[in-house]
Amino acid sequence: MQARTILPTLQTTTIRLQREAFDPAAEAALLTRSRTDIGAVVSFTGICRADESGEPIAALTLEHYPGMAEAEIARHVDEANARWPLLGVTVIHRYGRIAPGEPIVLVVAASSHRQAAFAAAEFLMDYLKTRAPFWKKVEKPTGPTWVEAKDSDDSAAARWSVAPPRRQAKTSA
């Protein structure tokens, strides 16, 4: 008889709100280091653009509600874990003044298979764009302007309010 080692499934979650820039590739590597159970990693990095609605900007400033923002993000990460068989999630969101070209947000979802990782990353990003307690102000030549929510973001997030389909048990023929 051949001996086999079965590694326990480890679910790793990292949620950070910070002023400092981060390295998206390094963060994804941290999530997967020494892991052989992960078969798919999907990441999304939001980067500050140099324009907002066609107008140039010098920077954007993100404000948040400390404590509440982390708790709300954690609640939605828990929901993602309940919907999909995830092995790891990282969510990093910056606040403060962010210059064009700098990263704003990172969502990394890891799973055994790509479908779960893709869906969870998209679900979390849609939540962050529409429901997370952050407020965005852009610095334009005409002065600072608070950014309103977009209907297109709300429409994208609305699809997640429908319960996901139940997984069918495999049957043998």
Protein backbone atom coordinates (compact mmCIF):
# COMPACT_ATOMS: atom_id res chain seq x y z
CA MET A 1 0.00 0.00 0.00
CA GLN A 2 1.33 3.42 -0.95
CA ALA A 3 1.27 6.18 1.69
CA ARG A 4 -0.38 9.45 0.72
CA THR A 5 -0.24 12.82 2.42
CA ILE A 6 -3.44 14.80 2.27
CA LEU A 7 -2.98 18.49 2.92
CA PRO A 8 -5.84 20.24 4.65
CA THR A 9 -7.57 22.90 2.58
CA LEU A 10 -6.45 26.29 3.83
CA GLN A 11 -8.53 29.37 3.16
CA THR A 12 -6.45 32.50 3.44
CA THR A 13 -8.04 35.94 3.66
CA THR A 14 -6.24 39.27 3.66
CA ILE A 15 -8.11 42.56 3.88
CA ARG A 16 -6.12 45.77 4.15
CA LEU A 17 -7.00 49.44 3.87
CA GLN A 18 -3.88 51.56 3.56
CA ARG A 19 -2.45 54.84 2.31
CA GLU A 20 0.67 53.27 0.81
CA ALA A 21 0.97 51.87 -2.71
CA PHE A 22 1.28 48.09 -3.07
CA ASP A 23 2.73 45.65 -5.59
CA PRO A 24 -0.13 43.60 -7.11
CA ALA A 25 2.14 40.80 -8.35
CA ALA A 26 3.83 40.45 -4.96
CA GLU A 27 0.45 40.30 -3.21
CA ALA A 28 -0.79 37.52 -5.52
CA ALA A 29 2.47 35.64 -4.97
CA LEU A 30 1.99 35.86 -1.19
CA LEU A 31 -1.44 34.29 -1.51
CA THR A 32 -0.13 31.30 -3.47
CA ARG A 33 3.28 30.76 -1.81
CA SER A 34 3.83 27.10 -0.90
CA ARG A 35 0.31 26.17 -2.02
CA THR A 36 -0.29 23.21 -4.31
CA ASP A 37 -4.07 23.12 -3.87
CA ILE A 38 -4.63 26.34 -5.82
CA GLY A 39 -5.29 25.82 -9.52
CA ALA A 40 -6.48 29.31 -10.48
CA VAL A 41 -5.73 32.85 -9.40
CA VAL A 42 -7.69 35.79 -10.78
CA SER A 43 -6.71 39.31 -9.89
CA PHE A 44 -8.01 42.76 -10.65
CA THR A 45 -6.01 45.91 -10.06
CA GLY A 46 -7.71 49.29 -10.29
CA ILE A 47 -5.30 52.06 -11.29
CA CYS A 48 -5.80 55.81 -11.04
CA ARG A 49 -6.32 57.30 -14.51
CA ALA A 50 -5.14 60.75 -15.56
CA ASP A 51 -8.67 61.76 -16.57
CA GLU A 52 -12.18 61.55 -15.18
CA SER A 53 -15.06 61.75 -17.66
CA GLY A 54 -12.68 63.15 -20.29
CA GLU A 55 -11.24 65.90 -18.07
CA PRO A 56 -7.64 65.77 -16.85
CA ILE A 57 -7.09 65.16 -13.14
CA ALA A 58 -4.06 65.72 -10.93
CA ALA A 59 -5.09 63.06 -8.41
CA LEU A 60 -8.00 61.47 -6.65
CA THR A 61 -8.65 61.32 -2.95
CA LEU A 62 -10.47 58.41 -1.36
CA GLU A 63 -12.03 58.70 2.05
CA HIS A 64 -13.50 55.84 4.04
CA TYR A 65 -15.21 55.10 7.31
CA PRO A 66 -12.47 53.35 9.39
CA GLY A 67 -13.60 50.13 11.02
CA MET A 68 -16.85 50.04 9.10
CA ALA A 69 -15.12 49.73 5.72
CA GLU A 70 -13.02 46.75 6.84
CA ALA A 71 -16.05 45.06 8.42
CA GLU A 72 -18.17 45.56 5.30
CA ILE A 73 -15.44 44.22 3.02
CA ALA A 74 -15.00 41.20 5.32
CA ARG A 75 -18.76 40.56 5.19
CA HIS A 76 -18.67 40.46 1.40
CA VAL A 77 -15.56 38.27 1.36
CA ASP A 78 -17.51 35.87 3.63
CA GLU A 79 -20.37 35.95 1.11
CA ALA A 80 -17.96 35.19 -1.75
CA ASN A 81 -16.59 32.25 0.27
CA ALA A 82 -20.15 30.97 0.78
CA ARG A 83 -20.94 31.24 -2.95
CA TRP A 84 -17.74 29.73 -4.37
CA PRO A 85 -15.14 27.19 -3.22
CA LEU A 86 -12.35 29.70 -2.66
CA LEU A 87 -8.96 28.85 -1.23
CA GLY A 88 -7.81 32.42 -0.74
CA VAL A 89 -8.89 36.04 -1.11
CA THR A 90 -6.93 39.26 -0.90
CA VAL A 91 -8.57 42.68 -0.95
CA ILE A 92 -6.39 45.77 -0.61
CA HIS A 93 -7.95 49.21 -0.96
CA ARG A 94 -6.09 52.47 -0.67
CA TYR A 95 -7.35 55.70 0.79
CA GLY A 96 -5.92 59.20 0.82
CA ARG A 97 -4.45 61.04 -2.16
CA ILE A 98 -3.59 58.83 -5.14
CA ALA A 99 -1.76 60.07 -8.24
CA PRO A 100 -2.41 58.89 -11.81
CA GLY A 101 -0.67 55.60 -12.52
CA GLU A 102 -0.78 54.42 -8.90
CA PRO A 103 -2.80 51.37 -7.81
CA ILE A 104 -6.07 52.01 -6.00
CA VAL A 105 -7.52 48.58 -5.33
CA LEU A 106 -6.53 44.93 -5.64
CA VAL A 107 -8.82 41.90 -5.56
CA VAL A 108 -7.25 38.46 -5.79
CA ALA A 109 -9.36 35.29 -5.70
CA ALA A 110 -7.82 31.81 -5.60
CA SER A 111 -9.59 28.51 -6.11
CA SER A 112 -8.96 25.04 -7.43
CA HIS A 113 -10.68 25.99 -10.69
CA ARG A 114 -10.95 29.15 -12.79
CA GLN A 115 -14.73 29.58 -12.81
CA ALA A 116 -14.93 30.19 -9.06
CA ALA A 117 -11.91 32.50 -9.06
CA PHE A 118 -13.25 34.62 -11.95
CA ALA A 119 -16.76 34.89 -10.48
CA ALA A 120 -15.58 35.73 -6.96
CA ALA A 121 -13.16 38.41 -8.15
CA GLU A 122 -15.87 40.02 -10.25
CA PHE A 123 -18.42 39.80 -7.43
CA LEU A 124 -16.03 41.46 -4.97
CA MET A 125 -15.03 44.22 -7.36
CA ASP A 126 -18.68 44.98 -8.21
CA TYR A 127 -19.36 45.25 -4.48
CA LEU A 128 -16.37 47.55 -3.91
CA LYS A 129 -17.51 49.87 -6.72
CA THR A 130 -21.09 50.17 -5.49
CA ARG A 131 -21.51 49.37 -1.80
CA ALA A 132 -18.21 49.77 0.06
CA PRO A 133 -18.11 52.86 2.28
CA PHE A 134 -15.61 54.90 0.24
CA TRP A 135 -16.01 58.40 -1.17
CA LYS A 136 -14.01 59.63 -4.16
CA LYS A 137 -13.00 63.20 -4.95
CA VAL A 138 -11.00 64.16 -8.05
CA GLU A 139 -8.71 67.17 -8.43
CA LYS A 140 -9.55 68.85 -11.75
CA PRO A 141 -8.23 72.13 -13.17
CA THR A 142 -11.66 73.61 -12.35
CA GLY A 143 -11.38 72.48 -8.71
CA PRO A 144 -12.08 69.37 -6.64
CA THR A 145 -15.24 67.39 -7.43
CA TRP A 146 -16.91 64.53 -5.58
CA VAL A 147 -17.64 61.60 -7.90
CA GLU A 148 -21.19 60.25 -8.02
CA ALA A 149 -22.04 56.57 -8.36
CA LYS A 150 -22.57 55.31 -11.91
CA ASP A 151 -25.72 53.54 -13.06
CA SER A 152 -23.58 51.08 -15.05
CA ASP A 153 -21.80 50.00 -11.84
CA ASP A 154 -25.15 49.54 -10.07
CA SER A 155 -26.43 47.44 -12.99
CA ALA A 156 -23.33 45.24 -12.90
CA ALA A 157 -23.72 44.66 -9.16
CA ALA A 158 -27.46 43.94 -9.39
CA ARG A 159 -26.88 40.58 -11.05
CA TRP A 160 -25.35 39.26 -7.81
CA SER A 161 -28.59 39.84 -5.86
CA VAL A 162 -29.95 36.71 -7.52
CA ALA A 163 -29.01 33.57 -5.63
CA PRO A 164 -26.38 31.51 -7.45
CA PRO A 165 -27.56 28.22 -8.99
CA ARG A 166 -27.09 25.18 -6.78
CA ARG A 167 -24.37 22.79 -7.78
CA GLN A 168 -25.65 19.51 -9.12
CA ALA A 169 -24.29 16.31 -7.63
CA LYS A 170 -22.51 14.13 -10.16
CA THR A 171 -24.28 10.94 -11.07
CA SER A 172 -22.66 7.89 -12.56
CA ALA A 173 -24.18 6.21 -15.54
